[in-house]
Amino acid sequence: MTISATPSARAILAPVVQRAVATTRIFTVRVADETFGIPVAAVHTVFMIDRLSPVPLAPVAVMGLVNLRGRIVTALSLRRRLGLAELNVSTRVAIVMEYEGEMLALVVDEAGDVIDLDAHDQIELPRHMTASRAAVTQAVYRYARGLLSILDMTAIYALTPAISQS
């Protein structure tokens, strides 16, 4: 026995069927000429940094401390974590996230949009990706503008020496 849905029933059921595909909500950021993704659930707020207080003897990725609404937050440079040179700019964009109970600000070149990625668009890490870049990449997806690397925030926040360009 076959049951067929009327056109009006198909219109009602279409959104339900579309939701069955697993999606991941990602906040995009840009560093240099590359777009990266951060899980939306990890992002607390986005703000502009105009003043940093340096931290003597801090790991190279630590840019300094910032005041976020009366709370002192450590600012980490995604450029430095990726082994890229810093830009000489007066204001920077920071993405505030919590890591191991501490609020940290990830400093990027630009904040992007929130996008939905379908599970079927996830691909294996590209073979040409360096080992150091793969170490901070949780997943790679195809999306409208090419490939999107989703950052492994645990690896990004591990304050080990900056990643080499190897």
N, C-alpha and C. Protein backbone atom coordinates (compact mmCIF):
# COMPACT_ATOMS: atom_id res chain seq x y z
N MET A 1 0.84 -1.18 0.00
CA MET A 1 0.00 0.00 0.00
C MET A 1 0.89 1.24 0.00
N THR A 2 0.63 2.16 -0.88
CA THR A 2 1.40 3.39 -0.99
C THR A 2 0.51 4.57 -0.60
N ILE A 3 1.08 5.44 0.25
CA ILE A 3 0.33 6.64 0.64
C ILE A 3 1.02 7.82 0.00
N SER A 4 0.27 8.63 -0.69
CA SER A 4 0.85 9.81 -1.32
C SER A 4 0.27 11.05 -0.66
N ALA A 5 1.11 12.04 -0.49
CA ALA A 5 0.69 13.28 0.14
C ALA A 5 0.17 14.24 -0.92
N THR A 6 -0.85 14.97 -0.56
CA THR A 6 -1.38 15.99 -1.46
C THR A 6 -0.38 17.12 -1.54
N PRO A 7 -0.48 17.98 -2.57
CA PRO A 7 0.46 19.12 -2.65
C PRO A 7 0.44 19.99 -1.40
N SER A 8 -0.72 20.22 -0.80
CA SER A 8 -0.76 21.05 0.40
C SER A 8 -0.09 20.35 1.58
N ALA A 9 -0.25 19.01 1.69
CA ALA A 9 0.42 18.27 2.75
C ALA A 9 1.93 18.29 2.57
N ARG A 10 2.40 18.17 1.32
CA ARG A 10 3.85 18.24 1.06
C ARG A 10 4.40 19.61 1.48
N ALA A 11 3.65 20.68 1.23
CA ALA A 11 4.10 22.02 1.61
C ALA A 11 4.22 22.15 3.12
N ILE A 12 3.29 21.50 3.84
CA ILE A 12 3.33 21.56 5.30
C ILE A 12 4.48 20.71 5.83
N LEU A 13 4.72 19.55 5.23
CA LEU A 13 5.75 18.63 5.71
C LEU A 13 7.16 19.00 5.27
N ALA A 14 7.31 19.80 4.23
CA ALA A 14 8.64 20.13 3.70
C ALA A 14 9.58 20.69 4.75
N PRO A 15 9.16 21.69 5.57
CA PRO A 15 10.10 22.19 6.58
C PRO A 15 10.51 21.12 7.58
N VAL A 16 9.61 20.20 7.91
CA VAL A 16 9.93 19.13 8.85
C VAL A 16 10.98 18.20 8.24
N VAL A 17 10.82 17.87 6.99
CA VAL A 17 11.77 17.00 6.30
C VAL A 17 13.12 17.69 6.19
N GLN A 18 13.12 18.98 5.88
CA GLN A 18 14.38 19.71 5.74
C GLN A 18 15.14 19.75 7.06
N ARG A 19 14.45 19.85 8.21
CA ARG A 19 15.11 19.91 9.50
C ARG A 19 15.77 18.59 9.88
N ALA A 20 15.41 17.50 9.18
CA ALA A 20 15.98 16.20 9.50
C ALA A 20 17.48 16.13 9.20
N VAL A 21 17.98 16.99 8.29
CA VAL A 21 19.40 17.04 7.98
C VAL A 21 20.10 17.78 9.12
N ALA A 22 21.10 17.13 9.73
CA ALA A 22 21.81 17.74 10.85
C ALA A 22 22.59 18.96 10.38
N THR A 23 22.42 20.06 11.09
CA THR A 23 23.16 21.28 10.77
C THR A 23 23.93 21.73 12.00
N THR A 24 24.98 22.47 11.74
CA THR A 24 25.82 23.04 12.78
C THR A 24 25.84 24.55 12.56
N ARG A 25 25.55 25.32 13.62
CA ARG A 25 25.59 26.78 13.53
C ARG A 25 27.01 27.24 13.84
N ILE A 26 27.57 28.02 12.93
CA ILE A 26 28.97 28.44 13.01
C ILE A 26 29.05 29.97 12.88
N PHE A 27 29.90 30.57 13.70
CA PHE A 27 30.20 32.00 13.61
C PHE A 27 31.49 32.10 12.81
N THR A 28 31.50 32.88 11.73
CA THR A 28 32.69 32.97 10.90
C THR A 28 33.54 34.18 11.30
N VAL A 29 34.85 34.01 11.17
CA VAL A 29 35.81 35.08 11.41
C VAL A 29 36.85 35.03 10.30
N ARG A 30 37.50 36.17 10.06
CA ARG A 30 38.54 36.22 9.04
C ARG A 30 39.86 36.59 9.69
N VAL A 31 40.90 35.91 9.22
CA VAL A 31 42.28 36.21 9.60
C VAL A 31 43.08 36.09 8.32
N ALA A 32 43.84 37.15 8.00
CA ALA A 32 44.56 37.23 6.73
C ALA A 32 43.52 37.07 5.62
N ASP A 33 43.73 36.18 4.70
CA ASP A 33 42.78 35.99 3.61
C ASP A 33 41.95 34.73 3.78
N GLU A 34 41.83 34.24 5.00
CA GLU A 34 41.15 32.98 5.23
C GLU A 34 39.98 33.16 6.20
N THR A 35 38.91 32.42 5.95
CA THR A 35 37.75 32.42 6.82
C THR A 35 37.78 31.16 7.67
N PHE A 36 37.51 31.32 8.96
CA PHE A 36 37.47 30.22 9.90
C PHE A 36 36.11 30.21 10.58
N GLY A 37 35.76 29.07 11.15
CA GLY A 37 34.50 28.94 11.85
C GLY A 37 34.71 28.61 13.31
N ILE A 38 33.81 29.14 14.14
CA ILE A 38 33.81 28.88 15.58
C ILE A 38 32.38 28.46 15.93
N PRO A 39 32.20 27.39 16.68
CA PRO A 39 30.84 27.01 17.06
C PRO A 39 30.11 28.16 17.76
N VAL A 40 28.90 28.46 17.31
CA VAL A 40 28.13 29.58 17.86
C VAL A 40 27.95 29.44 19.37
N ALA A 41 27.74 28.23 19.83
CA ALA A 41 27.51 28.00 21.26
C ALA A 41 28.68 28.47 22.11
N ALA A 42 29.87 28.55 21.54
CA ALA A 42 31.05 28.96 22.29
C ALA A 42 31.18 30.48 22.41
N VAL A 43 30.50 31.23 21.55
CA VAL A 43 30.66 32.69 21.49
C VAL A 43 29.75 33.38 22.50
N HIS A 44 30.35 34.17 23.40
CA HIS A 44 29.57 34.94 24.38
C HIS A 44 29.25 36.33 23.85
N THR A 45 30.25 37.00 23.30
CA THR A 45 30.04 38.35 22.79
C THR A 45 31.16 38.70 21.81
N VAL A 46 30.92 39.74 21.03
CA VAL A 46 31.91 40.26 20.09
C VAL A 46 32.06 41.75 20.41
N PHE A 47 33.31 42.22 20.50
CA PHE A 47 33.52 43.64 20.78
C PHE A 47 34.81 44.12 20.13
N MET A 48 34.96 45.43 20.08
CA MET A 48 36.15 46.06 19.53
C MET A 48 37.12 46.38 20.67
N ILE A 49 38.38 46.02 20.48
CA ILE A 49 39.43 46.33 21.46
C ILE A 49 40.15 47.58 20.98
N ASP A 50 40.22 48.58 21.82
CA ASP A 50 40.99 49.76 21.45
C ASP A 50 42.21 49.94 22.34
N ARG A 51 42.24 49.23 23.49
CA ARG A 51 43.38 49.36 24.38
C ARG A 51 43.68 48.01 25.03
N LEU A 52 44.94 47.63 25.00
CA LEU A 52 45.42 46.39 25.62
C LEU A 52 46.47 46.71 26.68
N SER A 53 46.44 46.00 27.77
CA SER A 53 47.50 46.11 28.77
C SER A 53 48.42 44.91 28.57
N PRO A 54 49.69 45.15 28.27
CA PRO A 54 50.61 44.03 28.02
C PRO A 54 50.82 43.17 29.26
N VAL A 55 51.16 41.91 29.03
CA VAL A 55 51.44 40.96 30.11
C VAL A 55 52.90 40.51 29.94
N PRO A 56 53.79 40.99 30.80
CA PRO A 56 55.20 40.60 30.68
C PRO A 56 55.38 39.08 30.81
N LEU A 57 56.26 38.53 30.00
CA LEU A 57 56.62 37.12 30.01
C LEU A 57 55.47 36.17 29.65
N ALA A 58 54.44 36.69 29.03
CA ALA A 58 53.31 35.84 28.61
C ALA A 58 53.67 35.07 27.35
N PRO A 59 52.99 33.96 27.09
CA PRO A 59 53.22 33.24 25.82
C PRO A 59 52.97 34.17 24.64
N VAL A 60 53.60 33.89 23.51
CA VAL A 60 53.54 34.76 22.35
C VAL A 60 52.11 35.02 21.87
N ALA A 61 51.20 34.07 22.04
CA ALA A 61 49.82 34.24 21.58
C ALA A 61 49.05 35.25 22.41
N VAL A 62 49.49 35.53 23.63
CA VAL A 62 48.79 36.47 24.50
C VAL A 62 49.15 37.89 24.10
N MET A 63 48.13 38.63 23.66
CA MET A 63 48.35 40.02 23.27
C MET A 63 48.36 40.93 24.49
N GLY A 64 47.55 40.58 25.50
CA GLY A 64 47.45 41.39 26.70
C GLY A 64 46.12 41.19 27.39
N LEU A 65 45.79 42.11 28.28
CA LEU A 65 44.54 42.07 29.02
C LEU A 65 43.65 43.21 28.58
N VAL A 66 42.34 42.95 28.54
CA VAL A 66 41.36 43.98 28.17
C VAL A 66 40.28 44.03 29.24
N ASN A 67 39.65 45.19 29.34
CA ASN A 67 38.55 45.37 30.27
C ASN A 67 37.25 45.22 29.49
N LEU A 68 36.47 44.21 29.84
CA LEU A 68 35.18 43.98 29.20
C LEU A 68 34.10 44.17 30.25
N ARG A 69 33.50 45.34 30.25
CA ARG A 69 32.43 45.66 31.20
C ARG A 69 32.84 45.39 32.65
N GLY A 70 34.05 45.81 33.00
CA GLY A 70 34.54 45.67 34.36
C GLY A 70 35.21 44.34 34.66
N ARG A 71 35.25 43.47 33.69
CA ARG A 71 35.88 42.16 33.88
C ARG A 71 37.17 42.11 33.08
N ILE A 72 38.26 41.64 33.70
CA ILE A 72 39.55 41.53 33.02
C ILE A 72 39.55 40.24 32.21
N VAL A 73 39.84 40.37 30.91
CA VAL A 73 39.81 39.24 29.99
C VAL A 73 41.16 39.16 29.28
N THR A 74 41.69 37.96 29.16
CA THR A 74 42.95 37.75 28.43
C THR A 74 42.65 37.73 26.94
N ALA A 75 43.40 38.52 26.17
CA ALA A 75 43.24 38.58 24.72
C ALA A 75 44.32 37.75 24.04
N LEU A 76 43.88 36.80 23.22
CA LEU A 76 44.80 35.94 22.46
C LEU A 76 44.67 36.27 20.98
N SER A 77 45.77 36.30 20.29
CA SER A 77 45.78 36.61 18.86
C SER A 77 45.67 35.32 18.04
N LEU A 78 44.61 35.22 17.22
CA LEU A 78 44.50 34.07 16.34
C LEU A 78 45.62 34.11 15.30
N ARG A 79 46.00 35.30 14.86
CA ARG A 79 47.12 35.42 13.91
C ARG A 79 48.38 34.77 14.49
N ARG A 80 48.70 35.11 15.72
CA ARG A 80 49.90 34.56 16.35
C ARG A 80 49.78 33.05 16.55
N ARG A 81 48.60 32.58 16.92
CA ARG A 81 48.40 31.13 17.10
C ARG A 81 48.60 30.39 15.80
N LEU A 82 48.30 31.04 14.68
CA LEU A 82 48.46 30.42 13.38
C LEU A 82 49.84 30.69 12.78
N GLY A 83 50.70 31.38 13.51
CA GLY A 83 52.05 31.65 13.03
C GLY A 83 52.11 32.75 11.99
N LEU A 84 51.14 33.65 11.99
CA LEU A 84 51.09 34.77 11.03
C LEU A 84 51.55 36.06 11.70
N ALA A 85 52.02 36.99 10.89
CA ALA A 85 52.46 38.29 11.41
C ALA A 85 51.24 39.11 11.82
N GLU A 86 51.42 39.93 12.86
CA GLU A 86 50.35 40.81 13.32
C GLU A 86 50.19 41.99 12.37
N LEU A 87 48.98 42.51 12.32
CA LEU A 87 48.71 43.75 11.58
C LEU A 87 48.91 44.92 12.53
N ASN A 88 49.34 46.05 12.00
CA ASN A 88 49.49 47.24 12.81
C ASN A 88 48.21 48.07 12.67
N VAL A 89 47.22 47.78 13.53
CA VAL A 89 45.93 48.47 13.48
C VAL A 89 45.62 49.02 14.86
N SER A 90 44.81 50.07 14.91
CA SER A 90 44.51 50.70 16.20
C SER A 90 43.37 50.00 16.94
N THR A 91 42.42 49.43 16.23
CA THR A 91 41.35 48.69 16.89
C THR A 91 41.28 47.27 16.32
N ARG A 92 40.86 46.37 17.16
CA ARG A 92 40.79 44.96 16.77
C ARG A 92 39.44 44.38 17.18
N VAL A 93 39.04 43.33 16.50
CA VAL A 93 37.79 42.64 16.83
C VAL A 93 38.14 41.46 17.73
N ALA A 94 37.37 41.30 18.80
CA ALA A 94 37.59 40.19 19.73
C ALA A 94 36.31 39.39 19.90
N ILE A 95 36.46 38.08 19.90
CA ILE A 95 35.37 37.16 20.11
C ILE A 95 35.57 36.58 21.51
N VAL A 96 34.65 36.84 22.43
CA VAL A 96 34.81 36.39 23.80
C VAL A 96 34.15 35.02 23.96
N MET A 97 34.94 34.10 24.53
CA MET A 97 34.49 32.75 24.78
C MET A 97 34.98 32.32 26.15
N GLU A 98 34.35 31.29 26.69
CA GLU A 98 34.79 30.75 27.96
C GLU A 98 35.60 29.49 27.71
N TYR A 99 36.72 29.37 28.40
CA TYR A 99 37.58 28.20 28.28
C TYR A 99 38.05 27.82 29.68
N GLU A 100 37.72 26.62 30.10
CA GLU A 100 38.09 26.11 31.41
C GLU A 100 37.76 27.10 32.52
N GLY A 101 36.55 27.67 32.45
CA GLY A 101 36.07 28.58 33.48
C GLY A 101 36.59 30.00 33.40
N GLU A 102 37.41 30.30 32.41
CA GLU A 102 37.97 31.65 32.26
C GLU A 102 37.47 32.27 30.96
N MET A 103 37.15 33.55 31.00
CA MET A 103 36.73 34.26 29.80
C MET A 103 37.99 34.69 29.04
N LEU A 104 38.03 34.36 27.75
CA LEU A 104 39.15 34.72 26.89
C LEU A 104 38.62 35.42 25.64
N ALA A 105 39.39 36.35 25.13
CA ALA A 105 39.02 37.07 23.91
C ALA A 105 39.95 36.63 22.79
N LEU A 106 39.38 36.07 21.73
CA LEU A 106 40.16 35.66 20.57
C LEU A 106 40.15 36.83 19.58
N VAL A 107 41.31 37.40 19.33
CA VAL A 107 41.43 38.58 18.47
C VAL A 107 41.60 38.14 17.03
N VAL A 108 40.72 38.66 16.16
CA VAL A 108 40.69 38.30 14.74
C VAL A 108 40.70 39.58 13.90
N ASP A 109 40.86 39.42 12.59
CA ASP A 109 40.85 40.59 11.71
C ASP A 109 39.43 41.12 11.49
N GLU A 110 38.48 40.20 11.29
CA GLU A 110 37.08 40.58 11.04
C GLU A 110 36.14 39.55 11.63
N ALA A 111 35.01 40.03 12.12
CA ALA A 111 33.93 39.13 12.53
C ALA A 111 33.03 38.95 11.32
N GLY A 112 32.54 37.76 11.12
CA GLY A 112 31.69 37.47 9.96
C GLY A 112 30.25 37.27 10.35
N ASP A 113 29.63 36.27 9.75
CA ASP A 113 28.22 35.98 9.95
C ASP A 113 28.05 34.65 10.66
N VAL A 114 26.83 34.41 11.09
CA VAL A 114 26.46 33.09 11.60
C VAL A 114 25.88 32.34 10.41
N ILE A 115 26.41 31.15 10.18
CA ILE A 115 25.93 30.34 9.06
C ILE A 115 25.57 28.94 9.57
N ASP A 116 24.74 28.26 8.82
CA ASP A 116 24.39 26.88 9.11
C ASP A 116 25.12 25.99 8.13
N LEU A 117 25.81 24.99 8.65
CA LEU A 117 26.53 24.03 7.81
C LEU A 117 25.84 22.68 7.93
N ASP A 118 25.57 22.05 6.79
CA ASP A 118 24.96 20.73 6.77
C ASP A 118 26.02 19.66 7.00
N ALA A 119 25.65 18.65 7.74
CA ALA A 119 26.58 17.56 8.05
C ALA A 119 27.14 16.91 6.78
N HIS A 120 26.33 16.84 5.73
CA HIS A 120 26.81 16.19 4.50
C HIS A 120 27.84 17.03 3.76
N ASP A 121 28.07 18.29 4.18
CA ASP A 121 29.09 19.13 3.56
C ASP A 121 30.45 19.00 4.24
N GLN A 122 30.51 18.24 5.33
CA GLN A 122 31.79 18.05 6.01
C GLN A 122 32.65 17.10 5.18
N ILE A 123 33.94 17.44 5.08
CA ILE A 123 34.88 16.62 4.33
C ILE A 123 36.06 16.25 5.23
N GLU A 124 36.87 15.32 4.77
CA GLU A 124 38.09 14.98 5.50
C GLU A 124 39.05 16.17 5.43
N LEU A 125 39.97 16.23 6.39
CA LEU A 125 40.98 17.30 6.33
C LEU A 125 41.74 17.16 5.03
N PRO A 126 41.90 18.25 4.28
CA PRO A 126 42.63 18.16 3.01
C PRO A 126 44.06 17.67 3.22
N ARG A 127 44.54 16.88 2.29
CA ARG A 127 45.89 16.33 2.38
C ARG A 127 46.97 17.41 2.35
N HIS A 128 46.67 18.53 1.68
CA HIS A 128 47.66 19.61 1.59
C HIS A 128 47.75 20.44 2.87
N MET A 129 46.84 20.23 3.83
CA MET A 129 46.85 20.99 5.08
C MET A 129 48.07 20.57 5.90
N THR A 130 48.82 21.55 6.37
CA THR A 130 50.01 21.24 7.16
C THR A 130 49.61 20.60 8.48
N ALA A 131 50.53 19.87 9.07
CA ALA A 131 50.26 19.21 10.35
C ALA A 131 49.95 20.24 11.43
N SER A 132 50.64 21.37 11.40
CA SER A 132 50.41 22.38 12.43
C SER A 132 49.02 23.01 12.28
N ARG A 133 48.55 23.20 11.05
CA ARG A 133 47.20 23.74 10.84
C ARG A 133 46.16 22.69 11.19
N ALA A 134 46.42 21.44 10.84
CA ALA A 134 45.48 20.36 11.17
C ALA A 134 45.32 20.22 12.69
N ALA A 135 46.37 20.52 13.44
CA ALA A 135 46.33 20.40 14.90
C ALA A 135 45.33 21.36 15.54
N VAL A 136 44.99 22.45 14.87
CA VAL A 136 44.03 23.41 15.42
C VAL A 136 42.71 23.42 14.65
N THR A 137 42.51 22.41 13.80
CA THR A 137 41.30 22.31 13.00
C THR A 137 40.47 21.13 13.47
N GLN A 138 39.23 21.43 13.84
CA GLN A 138 38.32 20.39 14.31
C GLN A 138 37.64 19.68 13.14
N ALA A 139 37.29 20.45 12.10
CA ALA A 139 36.60 19.88 10.93
C ALA A 139 36.74 20.85 9.77
N VAL A 140 36.46 20.36 8.57
CA VAL A 140 36.46 21.20 7.37
C VAL A 140 35.15 20.94 6.63
N TYR A 141 34.52 22.02 6.19
CA TYR A 141 33.25 21.94 5.46
C TYR A 141 33.37 22.66 4.13
N ARG A 142 32.62 22.20 3.15
CA ARG A 142 32.41 22.96 1.92
C ARG A 142 31.30 23.95 2.23
N TYR A 143 31.48 25.18 1.78
CA TYR A 143 30.40 26.16 1.91
C TYR A 143 30.48 27.11 0.73
N ALA A 144 29.58 28.07 0.68
CA ALA A 144 29.41 28.93 -0.50
C ALA A 144 30.70 29.56 -1.00
N ARG A 145 31.62 29.89 -0.12
CA ARG A 145 32.86 30.59 -0.52
C ARG A 145 34.08 29.69 -0.60
N GLY A 146 33.90 28.39 -0.56
CA GLY A 146 35.04 27.47 -0.66
C GLY A 146 35.06 26.49 0.49
N LEU A 147 36.21 26.38 1.15
CA LEU A 147 36.35 25.50 2.30
C LEU A 147 36.40 26.33 3.58
N LEU A 148 35.78 25.81 4.62
CA LEU A 148 35.75 26.50 5.91
C LEU A 148 36.32 25.58 6.97
N SER A 149 37.42 26.01 7.58
CA SER A 149 38.03 25.25 8.68
C SER A 149 37.36 25.66 9.98
N ILE A 150 36.85 24.68 10.71
CA ILE A 150 36.27 24.93 12.02
C ILE A 150 37.39 24.78 13.04
N LEU A 151 37.61 25.81 13.82
CA LEU A 151 38.71 25.81 14.77
C LEU A 151 38.43 24.90 15.95
N ASP A 152 39.46 24.18 16.39
CA ASP A 152 39.40 23.39 17.61
C ASP A 152 39.80 24.35 18.73
N MET A 153 38.81 24.84 19.46
CA MET A 153 39.08 25.89 20.44
C MET A 153 39.97 25.41 21.59
N THR A 154 39.92 24.13 21.92
CA THR A 154 40.81 23.61 22.95
C THR A 154 42.26 23.74 22.49
N ALA A 155 42.51 23.41 21.23
CA ALA A 155 43.87 23.52 20.68
C ALA A 155 44.29 24.98 20.54
N ILE A 156 43.37 25.84 20.13
CA ILE A 156 43.69 27.27 19.98
C ILE A 156 44.08 27.87 21.33
N TYR A 157 43.32 27.53 22.38
CA TYR A 157 43.57 28.12 23.69
C TYR A 157 44.71 27.47 24.46
N ALA A 158 45.20 26.34 24.02
CA ALA A 158 46.37 25.75 24.65
C ALA A 158 47.54 26.68 24.42
N LEU A 159 48.09 27.23 25.46
CA LEU A 159 49.11 28.28 25.30
C LEU A 159 50.50 27.70 25.11
N THR A 160 50.61 26.89 24.08
CA THR A 160 51.90 26.37 23.67
C THR A 160 52.49 27.36 22.68
N PRO A 161 53.75 27.19 22.29
CA PRO A 161 54.33 28.14 21.33
C PRO A 161 53.48 28.25 20.06
N ALA A 162 53.59 29.40 19.41
CA ALA A 162 52.82 29.64 18.18
C ALA A 162 53.11 28.56 17.14
N ILE A 163 52.17 28.30 16.33
CA ILE A 163 52.27 27.27 15.29
C ILE A 163 53.21 27.75 14.21
N SER A 164 54.05 26.86 13.74
CA SER A 164 54.98 27.23 12.67
C SER A 164 54.27 27.15 11.35
N GLN A 165 54.83 27.70 10.32
CA GLN A 165 54.26 27.71 8.98
C GLN A 165 54.56 26.44 8.21
N SER A 166 55.08 25.39 8.87
CA SER A 166 55.46 24.15 8.17
C SER A 166 54.28 23.44 7.56
